[in-house]
Amino acid sequence: MDLARDLVVFDCDGVLVDSERLTVEVEARMLTEMGWPITVDEVVQRFVGGSSDAMLEEIERHLGPEQTAEFDRRSTEEIVAAFHADLQPVEGVRDVVHALHQHDVPTCIASSGSHRKMELTLGLTGLRPLFEGRIYSASEVARGKPWPDLFVYAARSMGAEPSRCAVIEDSIYGARAAIAAGMICYGFAGSLTRRADLEATGATVFDTMAELRSLLLGTGCADAVHEAETRS
C-alpha cells in the first residue's frame, strides 16, 4: 500500500473481533430447532457481512413473523452471553492498527452491525479506544452491504476520496461493497468465508494479520514496527 493513501477502513465482525464464529453457531442451531434446517456454512454464505434487517426478512419468509421475532430475541440473548464469555480480538489486528497509526495512516470502522453491538464487542475486546469517533454503521445509510453506500459515507465523513481508500473485509457482501465503492479491498481468509469466494469478488486475499501489515505498509516497514514493539 502507498503510505500516502488517505484511509484504511476496517470491517468489525470477523476482522477486528472474532465474533462471527460464535454468532453463526448460535444462529444455525436455533434456526434448525425452529423449523428451518440450516448448516453453519449455509449461514455464512447467506448472511455473514449483510445487515440484520436483511437476515430477518429472509428468516420471516421461512418461519413467519412470530417465530422470526422469537428468533431475534432468543438469538440476541445467547450471542450476547457468548460474547461476554468468549469474545476475543482477531489475533494480530491490534498490531496492524498501531502500525498504521505510527505511520500516520488514518483508520476507521464501517460495519453492518449496529452501534450498540459495536459498543459491546469493541468494549469487551478493548479495541474501541483505537477508533473512538471514527465508527460508522450501516444504520446510518439507506443501503447496507453489498451496496457501496456505507463505505462511501465513511470515506467522506473522514475527508477521504473513495479511490484513495483501502478496505479490510472478511465477507463476500463486504468485499463487493468495497469494490463497488471504488476502493481497494483486502479479504481476510482467516475468518469464515472461503478463500475462493473472497478471491472471486476481486479482493486481494490474505490469511493472517501479519501478512496484512506487510501488504499495507511494506515488509520493511512492518518488520521495523515489529522490532520496535518487541523491544518496548
C-alpha atoms as a PDB file:
ATOM      1  CA  MET A   1       0.000   0.000   0.000  1.00  0.00           C
ATOM      2  CA  ASP A   2       1.089   3.548  -0.765  1.00  0.00           C
ATOM      3  CA  LEU A   3       1.702   5.235   2.587  1.00  0.00           C
ATOM      4  CA  ALA A   4       0.068   8.364   1.177  1.00  0.00           C
ATOM      5  CA  ARG A   5      -3.256   6.530   0.887  1.00  0.00           C
ATOM      6  CA  ASP A   6      -5.925   8.543   2.650  1.00  0.00           C
ATOM      7  CA  LEU A   7      -7.688   5.947   4.787  1.00  0.00           C
ATOM      8  CA  VAL A   8      -7.860   2.282   5.839  1.00  0.00           C
ATOM      9  CA  VAL A   9     -11.421   1.171   6.616  1.00  0.00           C
ATOM     10  CA  PHE A  10     -11.914  -1.905   8.810  1.00  0.00           C
ATOM     11  CA  ASP A  11     -14.983  -4.062   8.967  1.00  0.00           C
ATOM     12  CA  CYS A  12     -15.714  -5.045  12.565  1.00  0.00           C
ATOM     13  CA  ASP A  13     -17.112  -8.586  12.944  1.00  0.00           C
ATOM     14  CA  GLY A  14     -14.600 -11.159  11.760  1.00  0.00           C
ATOM     15  CA  VAL A  15     -11.883  -8.570  11.075  1.00  0.00           C
ATOM     16  CA  LEU A  16     -11.410  -6.746  14.377  1.00  0.00           C
ATOM     17  CA  VAL A  17     -13.354  -9.021  16.727  1.00  0.00           C
ATOM     18  CA  ASP A  18     -13.628 -12.795  16.321  1.00  0.00           C
ATOM     19  CA  SER A  19     -17.390 -12.712  16.732  1.00  0.00           C
ATOM     20  CA  GLU A  20     -18.609 -14.474  13.603  1.00  0.00           C
ATOM     21  CA  ARG A  21     -17.670 -17.959  14.830  1.00  0.00           C
ATOM     22  CA  LEU A  22     -19.729 -17.500  17.973  1.00  0.00           C
ATOM     23  CA  THR A  23     -22.653 -15.906  16.147  1.00  0.00           C
ATOM     24  CA  VAL A  24     -23.169 -18.369  13.302  1.00  0.00           C
ATOM     25  CA  GLU A  25     -23.146 -21.379  15.605  1.00  0.00           C
ATOM     26  CA  VAL A  26     -25.988 -19.917  17.658  1.00  0.00           C
ATOM     27  CA  GLU A  27     -27.952 -18.864  14.563  1.00  0.00           C
ATOM     28  CA  ALA A  28     -27.631 -22.190  12.721  1.00  0.00           C
ATOM     29  CA  ARG A  29     -28.621 -24.222  15.765  1.00  0.00           C
ATOM     30  CA  MET A  30     -31.567 -22.015  16.652  1.00  0.00           C
ATOM     31  CA  LEU A  31     -32.958 -21.775  13.108  1.00  0.00           C
ATOM     32  CA  THR A  32     -32.761 -25.565  12.793  1.00  0.00           C
ATOM     33  CA  GLU A  33     -34.556 -26.017  16.118  1.00  0.00           C
ATOM     34  CA  MET A  34     -37.294 -23.607  14.997  1.00  0.00           C
ATOM     35  CA  GLY A  35     -38.008 -25.444  11.745  1.00  0.00           C
ATOM     36  CA  TRP A  36     -35.559 -24.179   9.124  1.00  0.00           C
ATOM     37  CA  PRO A  37     -32.784 -26.814   8.912  1.00  0.00           C
ATOM     38  CA  ILE A  38     -29.610 -24.905   8.034  1.00  0.00           C
ATOM     39  CA  THR A  39     -25.896 -25.535   8.492  1.00  0.00           C
ATOM     40  CA  VAL A  40     -23.244 -23.180   9.801  1.00  0.00           C
ATOM     41  CA  ASP A  41     -21.728 -22.969   6.310  1.00  0.00           C
ATOM     42  CA  GLU A  42     -25.108 -22.019   4.846  1.00  0.00           C
ATOM     43  CA  VAL A  43     -25.499 -19.267   7.446  1.00  0.00           C
ATOM     44  CA  VAL A  44     -22.067 -17.945   6.472  1.00  0.00           C
ATOM     45  CA  GLN A  45     -22.919 -17.961   2.762  1.00  0.00           C
ATOM     46  CA  ARG A  46     -26.353 -16.379   3.186  1.00  0.00           C
ATOM     47  CA  PHE A  47     -25.886 -13.857   5.950  1.00  0.00           C
ATOM     48  CA  VAL A  48     -22.315 -13.035   7.044  1.00  0.00           C
ATOM     49  CA  GLY A  49     -21.489  -9.451   6.133  1.00  0.00           C
ATOM     50  CA  GLY A  50     -25.072  -8.416   5.476  1.00  0.00           C
ATOM     51  CA  SER A  51     -27.444  -6.418   7.626  1.00  0.00           C
ATOM     52  CA  SER A  52     -29.543  -7.922  10.405  1.00  0.00           C
ATOM     53  CA  ASP A  53     -32.665  -6.469   8.771  1.00  0.00           C
ATOM     54  CA  ALA A  54     -31.988  -8.368   5.537  1.00  0.00           C
ATOM     55  CA  MET A  55     -31.358 -11.543   7.507  1.00  0.00           C
ATOM     56  CA  LEU A  56     -34.597 -11.218   9.468  1.00  0.00           C
ATOM     57  CA  GLU A  57     -36.550 -10.578   6.278  1.00  0.00           C
ATOM     58  CA  GLU A  58     -35.305 -13.852   4.812  1.00  0.00           C
ATOM     59  CA  ILE A  59     -35.980 -15.746   8.034  1.00  0.00           C
ATOM     60  CA  GLU A  60     -39.526 -14.382   8.056  1.00  0.00           C
ATOM     61  CA  ARG A  61     -40.097 -15.845   4.592  1.00  0.00           C
ATOM     62  CA  HIS A  62     -39.202 -19.269   6.002  1.00  0.00           C
ATOM     63  CA  LEU A  63     -40.623 -19.127   9.521  1.00  0.00           C
ATOM     64  CA  GLY A  64     -43.226 -16.344   9.576  1.00  0.00           C
ATOM     65  CA  PRO A  65     -43.279 -13.150  11.653  1.00  0.00           C
ATOM     66  CA  GLU A  66     -43.945 -14.634  15.105  1.00  0.00           C
ATOM     67  CA  GLN A  67     -41.114 -17.158  15.006  1.00  0.00           C
ATOM     68  CA  THR A  68     -38.803 -14.582  13.454  1.00  0.00           C
ATOM     69  CA  ALA A  69     -39.426 -12.218  16.356  1.00  0.00           C
ATOM     70  CA  GLU A  70     -38.766 -15.102  18.760  1.00  0.00           C
ATOM     71  CA  PHE A  71     -35.559 -15.994  16.924  1.00  0.00           C
ATOM     72  CA  ASP A  72     -34.385 -12.389  17.074  1.00  0.00           C
ATOM     73  CA  ARG A  73     -34.972 -12.172  20.817  1.00  0.00           C
ATOM     74  CA  ARG A  74     -33.523 -15.561  21.776  1.00  0.00           C
ATOM     75  CA  SER A  75     -30.524 -15.475  19.448  1.00  0.00           C
ATOM     76  CA  THR A  76     -29.569 -11.981  20.613  1.00  0.00           C
ATOM     77  CA  GLU A  77     -29.622 -13.108  24.239  1.00  0.00           C
ATOM     78  CA  GLU A  78     -27.473 -16.184  23.518  1.00  0.00           C
ATOM     79  CA  ILE A  79     -25.000 -14.320  21.307  1.00  0.00           C
ATOM     80  CA  VAL A  80     -24.501 -11.566  23.886  1.00  0.00           C
ATOM     81  CA  ALA A  81     -23.867 -14.231  26.543  1.00  0.00           C
ATOM     82  CA  ALA A  82     -21.353 -15.941  24.244  1.00  0.00           C
ATOM     83  CA  PHE A  83     -19.580 -12.621  23.636  1.00  0.00           C
ATOM     84  CA  HIS A  84     -19.235 -11.972  27.363  1.00  0.00           C
ATOM     85  CA  ALA A  85     -17.862 -15.480  27.872  1.00  0.00           C
ATOM     86  CA  ASP A  86     -15.562 -15.975  24.908  1.00  0.00           C
ATOM     87  CA  LEU A  87     -15.147 -12.978  22.577  1.00  0.00           C
ATOM     88  CA  GLN A  88     -11.562 -12.097  21.636  1.00  0.00           C
ATOM     89  CA  PRO A  89      -9.969  -9.629  19.226  1.00  0.00           C
ATOM     90  CA  VAL A  90      -8.766 -11.158  15.965  1.00  0.00           C
ATOM     91  CA  GLU A  91      -5.173 -12.258  16.507  1.00  0.00           C
ATOM     92  CA  GLY A  92      -2.676  -9.623  15.419  1.00  0.00           C
ATOM     93  CA  VAL A  93      -5.173  -6.942  14.401  1.00  0.00           C
ATOM     94  CA  ARG A  94      -4.256  -4.577  17.238  1.00  0.00           C
ATOM     95  CA  ASP A  95      -0.652  -4.560  15.977  1.00  0.00           C
ATOM     96  CA  VAL A  96      -1.839  -3.700  12.445  1.00  0.00           C
ATOM     97  CA  VAL A  97      -3.852  -0.714  13.669  1.00  0.00           C
ATOM     98  CA  HIS A  98      -0.992   0.515  15.866  1.00  0.00           C
ATOM     99  CA  ALA A  99       1.424   0.219  12.929  1.00  0.00           C
ATOM    100  CA  LEU A 100      -0.881   2.227  10.653  1.00  0.00           C
ATOM    101  CA  HIS A 101      -1.234   4.954  13.272  1.00  0.00           C
ATOM    102  CA  GLN A 102       2.545   5.051  13.760  1.00  0.00           C
ATOM    103  CA  HIS A 103       2.837   5.734  10.029  1.00  0.00           C
ATOM    104  CA  ASP A 104       0.113   8.425  10.213  1.00  0.00           C
ATOM    105  CA  VAL A 105      -2.334   6.385   8.136  1.00  0.00           C
ATOM    106  CA  PRO A 106      -5.898   7.227   9.271  1.00  0.00           C
ATOM    107  CA  THR A 107      -8.300   4.396  10.109  1.00  0.00           C
ATOM    108  CA  CYS A 108     -11.988   3.932  10.788  1.00  0.00           C
ATOM    109  CA  ILE A 109     -14.637   1.213  11.090  1.00  0.00           C
ATOM    110  CA  ALA A 110     -17.556   0.637   8.699  1.00  0.00           C
ATOM    111  CA  SER A 111     -19.747  -2.264   9.805  1.00  0.00           C
ATOM    112  CA  SER A 112     -23.121  -3.819   9.056  1.00  0.00           C
ATOM    113  CA  GLY A 113     -23.530  -4.128  12.825  1.00  0.00           C
ATOM    114  CA  SER A 114     -25.356  -1.569  14.913  1.00  0.00           C
ATOM    115  CA  HIS A 115     -23.567   0.990  17.067  1.00  0.00           C
ATOM    116  CA  ARG A 116     -24.953  -0.784  20.124  1.00  0.00           C
ATOM    117  CA  LYS A 117     -23.422  -4.078  19.032  1.00  0.00           C
ATOM    118  CA  MET A 118     -20.066  -2.462  18.280  1.00  0.00           C
ATOM    119  CA  GLU A 119     -20.041  -0.718  21.645  1.00  0.00           C
ATOM    120  CA  LEU A 120     -20.348  -4.174  23.199  1.00  0.00           C
ATOM    121  CA  THR A 121     -17.844  -6.080  21.064  1.00  0.00           C
ATOM    122  CA  LEU A 122     -15.215  -3.367  20.814  1.00  0.00           C
ATOM    123  CA  GLY A 123     -15.629  -2.664  24.511  1.00  0.00           C
ATOM    124  CA  LEU A 124     -15.202  -6.306  25.532  1.00  0.00           C
ATOM    125  CA  THR A 125     -12.061  -6.653  23.422  1.00  0.00           C
ATOM    126  CA  GLY A 126     -10.521  -3.307  24.371  1.00  0.00           C
ATOM    127  CA  LEU A 127     -10.356  -2.104  20.760  1.00  0.00           C
ATOM    128  CA  ARG A 128     -12.800   0.790  20.987  1.00  0.00           C
ATOM    129  CA  PRO A 129     -10.221   3.451  22.014  1.00  0.00           C
ATOM    130  CA  LEU A 130      -8.308   2.789  18.777  1.00  0.00           C
ATOM    131  CA  PHE A 131     -11.295   4.011  16.728  1.00  0.00           C
ATOM    132  CA  GLU A 132     -13.099   6.444  19.030  1.00  0.00           C
ATOM    133  CA  GLY A 133     -15.150   8.921  16.992  1.00  0.00           C
ATOM    134  CA  ARG A 134     -14.477   7.037  13.750  1.00  0.00           C
ATOM    135  CA  ILE A 135     -17.050   4.237  13.873  1.00  0.00           C
ATOM    136  CA  TYR A 136     -19.751   4.016  11.180  1.00  0.00           C
ATOM    137  CA  SER A 137     -22.738   1.667  10.983  1.00  0.00           C
ATOM    138  CA  ALA A 138     -24.992   0.575   8.124  1.00  0.00           C
ATOM    139  CA  SER A 139     -27.848   2.075  10.167  1.00  0.00           C
ATOM    140  CA  GLU A 140     -26.569   5.485   9.018  1.00  0.00           C
ATOM    141  CA  VAL A 141     -27.110   4.871   5.295  1.00  0.00           C
ATOM    142  CA  ALA A 142     -30.036   3.884   3.079  1.00  0.00           C
ATOM    143  CA  ARG A 143     -28.498   0.624   1.855  1.00  0.00           C
ATOM    144  CA  GLY A 144     -26.049  -1.652   3.630  1.00  0.00           C
ATOM    145  CA  LYS A 145     -23.502  -4.042   2.155  1.00  0.00           C
ATOM    146  CA  PRO A 146     -23.207  -5.296  -0.632  1.00  0.00           C
ATOM    147  CA  TRP A 147     -24.075  -1.767  -1.801  1.00  0.00           C
ATOM    148  CA  PRO A 148     -21.236   0.755  -1.549  1.00  0.00           C
ATOM    149  CA  ASP A 149     -23.168   3.383   0.443  1.00  0.00           C
ATOM    150  CA  LEU A 150     -21.593   2.687   3.836  1.00  0.00           C
ATOM    151  CA  PHE A 151     -18.002   2.752   2.617  1.00  0.00           C
ATOM    152  CA  VAL A 152     -18.556   5.919   0.604  1.00  0.00           C
ATOM    153  CA  TYR A 153     -20.226   7.539   3.626  1.00  0.00           C
ATOM    154  CA  ALA A 154     -17.338   6.546   5.918  1.00  0.00           C
ATOM    155  CA  ALA A 155     -14.747   7.869   3.482  1.00  0.00           C
ATOM    156  CA  ARG A 156     -16.484  11.188   3.032  1.00  0.00           C
ATOM    157  CA  SER A 157     -17.031  11.535   6.781  1.00  0.00           C
ATOM    158  CA  MET A 158     -13.279  11.090   7.197  1.00  0.00           C
ATOM    159  CA  GLY A 159     -12.488  13.579   4.411  1.00  0.00           C
ATOM    160  CA  ALA A 160     -11.050  10.903   2.127  1.00  0.00           C
ATOM    161  CA  GLU A 161     -11.622  10.168  -1.544  1.00  0.00           C
ATOM    162  CA  PRO A 162     -13.030   6.642  -2.005  1.00  0.00           C
ATOM    163  CA  SER A 163     -10.446   5.894  -4.701  1.00  0.00           C
ATOM    164  CA  ARG A 164      -7.718   6.626  -2.140  1.00  0.00           C
ATOM    165  CA  CYS A 165      -9.087   4.167   0.470  1.00  0.00           C
ATOM    166  CA  ALA A 166      -8.386   0.543   1.334  1.00  0.00           C
ATOM    167  CA  VAL A 167     -10.959  -1.715   2.996  1.00  0.00           C
ATOM    168  CA  ILE A 168     -10.305  -4.760   5.188  1.00  0.00           C
ATOM    169  CA  GLU A 169     -13.164  -7.245   4.883  1.00  0.00           C
ATOM    170  CA  ASP A 170     -13.922 -10.880   5.631  1.00  0.00           C
ATOM    171  CA  SER A 171     -17.240 -11.371   3.817  1.00  0.00           C
ATOM    172  CA  ILE A 172     -18.475 -11.595   0.251  1.00  0.00           C
ATOM    173  CA  TYR A 173     -21.027  -8.817   0.830  1.00  0.00           C
ATOM    174  CA  GLY A 174     -18.408  -6.539   2.325  1.00  0.00           C
ATOM    175  CA  ALA A 175     -15.835  -7.166  -0.398  1.00  0.00           C
ATOM    176  CA  ARG A 176     -18.410  -6.487  -3.095  1.00  0.00           C
ATOM    177  CA  ALA A 177     -19.402  -3.250  -1.370  1.00  0.00           C
ATOM    178  CA  ALA A 178     -15.809  -2.061  -1.106  1.00  0.00           C
ATOM    179  CA  ILE A 179     -15.062  -2.762  -4.752  1.00  0.00           C
ATOM    180  CA  ALA A 180     -18.342  -1.148  -5.833  1.00  0.00           C
ATOM    181  CA  ALA A 181     -17.223   1.950  -3.891  1.00  0.00           C
ATOM    182  CA  GLY A 182     -14.048   2.084  -5.991  1.00  0.00           C
ATOM    183  CA  MET A 183     -11.809   1.106  -3.077  1.00  0.00           C
ATOM    184  CA  ILE A 184      -9.012  -1.436  -2.833  1.00  0.00           C
ATOM    185  CA  CYS A 185     -10.247  -4.446  -0.871  1.00  0.00           C
ATOM    186  CA  TYR A 186      -8.170  -6.854   1.192  1.00  0.00           C
ATOM    187  CA  GLY A 187     -10.096 -10.027   2.033  1.00  0.00           C
ATOM    188  CA  PHE A 188      -9.299 -11.868   5.268  1.00  0.00           C
ATOM    189  CA  ALA A 189      -9.422 -15.627   4.677  1.00  0.00           C
ATOM    190  CA  GLY A 190      -8.680 -16.340   8.332  1.00  0.00           C
ATOM    191  CA  SER A 191     -12.308 -15.859   9.341  1.00  0.00           C
ATOM    192  CA  LEU A 192     -15.225 -17.932   7.984  1.00  0.00           C
ATOM    193  CA  THR A 193     -15.615 -17.020   4.318  1.00  0.00           C
ATOM    194  CA  ARG A 194     -13.818 -19.342   1.928  1.00  0.00           C
ATOM    195  CA  ARG A 195     -10.697 -18.034   0.190  1.00  0.00           C
ATOM    196  CA  ALA A 196     -12.070 -18.870  -3.253  1.00  0.00           C
ATOM    197  CA  ASP A 197     -15.249 -16.881  -2.566  1.00  0.00           C
ATOM    198  CA  LEU A 198     -13.251 -13.841  -1.475  1.00  0.00           C
ATOM    199  CA  GLU A 199     -10.952 -14.123  -4.490  1.00  0.00           C
ATOM    200  CA  ALA A 200     -13.993 -14.266  -6.779  1.00  0.00           C
ATOM    201  CA  THR A 201     -15.013 -10.776  -5.632  1.00  0.00           C
ATOM    202  CA  GLY A 202     -11.729  -9.304  -6.826  1.00  0.00           C
ATOM    203  CA  ALA A 203     -10.305  -8.779  -3.351  1.00  0.00           C
ATOM    204  CA  THR A 204      -6.619  -9.276  -2.563  1.00  0.00           C
ATOM    205  CA  VAL A 205      -6.812 -12.184  -0.128  1.00  0.00           C
ATOM    206  CA  PHE A 206      -4.597 -12.675   2.931  1.00  0.00           C
ATOM    207  CA  ASP A 207      -4.516 -15.277   5.713  1.00  0.00           C
ATOM    208  CA  THR A 208      -3.019 -13.530   8.762  1.00  0.00           C
ATOM    209  CA  MET A 209      -2.850 -10.022  10.162  1.00  0.00           C
ATOM    210  CA  ALA A 210       0.955 -10.147   9.918  1.00  0.00           C
ATOM    211  CA  GLU A 211       0.505 -10.644   6.174  1.00  0.00           C
ATOM    212  CA  LEU A 212      -1.935  -7.739   6.050  1.00  0.00           C
ATOM    213  CA  ARG A 213       0.557  -5.456   7.764  1.00  0.00           C
ATOM    214  CA  SER A 214       3.103  -6.247   5.063  1.00  0.00           C
ATOM    215  CA  LEU A 215       0.510  -5.661   2.338  1.00  0.00           C
ATOM    216  CA  LEU A 216      -0.449  -2.281   3.768  1.00  0.00           C
ATOM    217  CA  LEU A 217       2.932  -0.949   4.864  1.00  0.00           C
ATOM    218  CA  GLY A 218       5.514  -2.988   3.020  1.00  0.00           C
ATOM    219  CA  THR A 219       7.666  -5.745   4.507  1.00  0.00           C
ATOM    220  CA  GLY A 220      10.442  -3.408   5.620  1.00  0.00           C
ATOM    221  CA  CYS A 221       8.117  -1.047   7.482  1.00  0.00           C
ATOM    222  CA  ALA A 222       6.221  -3.928   9.051  1.00  0.00           C
ATOM    223  CA  ASP A 223       9.427  -5.607  10.254  1.00  0.00           C
ATOM    224  CA  ALA A 224      10.725  -2.354  11.734  1.00  0.00           C
ATOM    225  CA  VAL A 225       7.496  -1.757  13.629  1.00  0.00           C
ATOM    226  CA  HIS A 226       7.502  -5.343  14.905  1.00  0.00           C
ATOM    227  CA  GLU A 227      11.073  -4.989  16.173  1.00  0.00           C
ATOM    228  CA  ALA A 228      10.228  -1.734  17.930  1.00  0.00           C
ATOM    229  CA  GLU A 229       7.197  -3.331  19.574  1.00  0.00           C
ATOM    230  CA  THR A 230       9.275  -6.325  20.664  1.00  0.00           C
ATOM    231  CA  ARG A 231      11.866  -4.063  22.336  1.00  0.00           C
ATOM    232  CA  SER A 232       9.234  -1.945  24.121  1.00  0.00           C
END
